[in-house]
């Protein structure tokens, strides 16, 4: 096979350079989504996540001031390709924000799949609006940005700042038997307790986005900690899970759905507890074992 002459090689290189330059200059579509939502990407297993913590609110349950990282962070996750993405998550709203937010989502073609509590006895009262949508990620982000403007959720949301640990992660992760995340006074895990693939209509849902079980613990002082989160489990494990939580001194605060028409059906069990850290971890470990 004859070799190209030097002039031909040079010409080929010149012709290829603009194409390579254009390819290198292609913007990251998820950066555009981040800009629209005014939220930095948050770590997430297999999907793109953006958080909206309600740092504007001082929320108390009894004598506990709830950290946004414990139970007050709304979010949206995107799976799939940027041009054909599935979005889901929840927005945390006050009673006054609820009507405008629900109407705002529905008016923009975003399905509302649940409206309910996660906590019990909190002040001010909060509601969690779960949603689901499908389409181009940047268009979905634009719709959600308009709805978020109807709430007091502060934006922009920067990357989470690293704060020195004040919670004993050896007690938490060692006792739960699962490694997780920790920052400042809050540590948490997000195990997957559903054994089967998950679908919604014709879509296969990413289980880590739709059905993980976030379990968070906040160290309150030297003597006590608080826990909140939810277990996503199949129907046959709900009663064993509830009994295990109750035996461990942890109160179930809600038993409900987050989706509509998913297969298999998922039940989400939310909870709240305040006790010494080691005691909470023992109760949560028993609940985890029951949920498995």
Foldseek 3Di string as FASTA:
>chain_A
DDDDDPVVVVVVVVVCVVVVVVVVPDDDVVVLLCVLLLFDWDDFPQWTKGKQFQPVDQKDAVPDGDDSVFPGIWMKIWHDDQFKIKIKTKHKAAPVLVVLLVCLCVVLVKAWFDWAAQDPRMPPDIIITIIIDIGRSSSVSNSVSVSCVSGPRDGNHYPDDAADAPDDVCLQCVLLVHDFDDGHFKTKHWAALDPDFKAAVPGTDDCRRAATWIKMKGDDDQWKIKIKTKHKAAPVLPVLLCVLLVVLQKHFDDWAANGPRMPPGIIITIIMHMGGPNSVSNSVNSSVVSRD
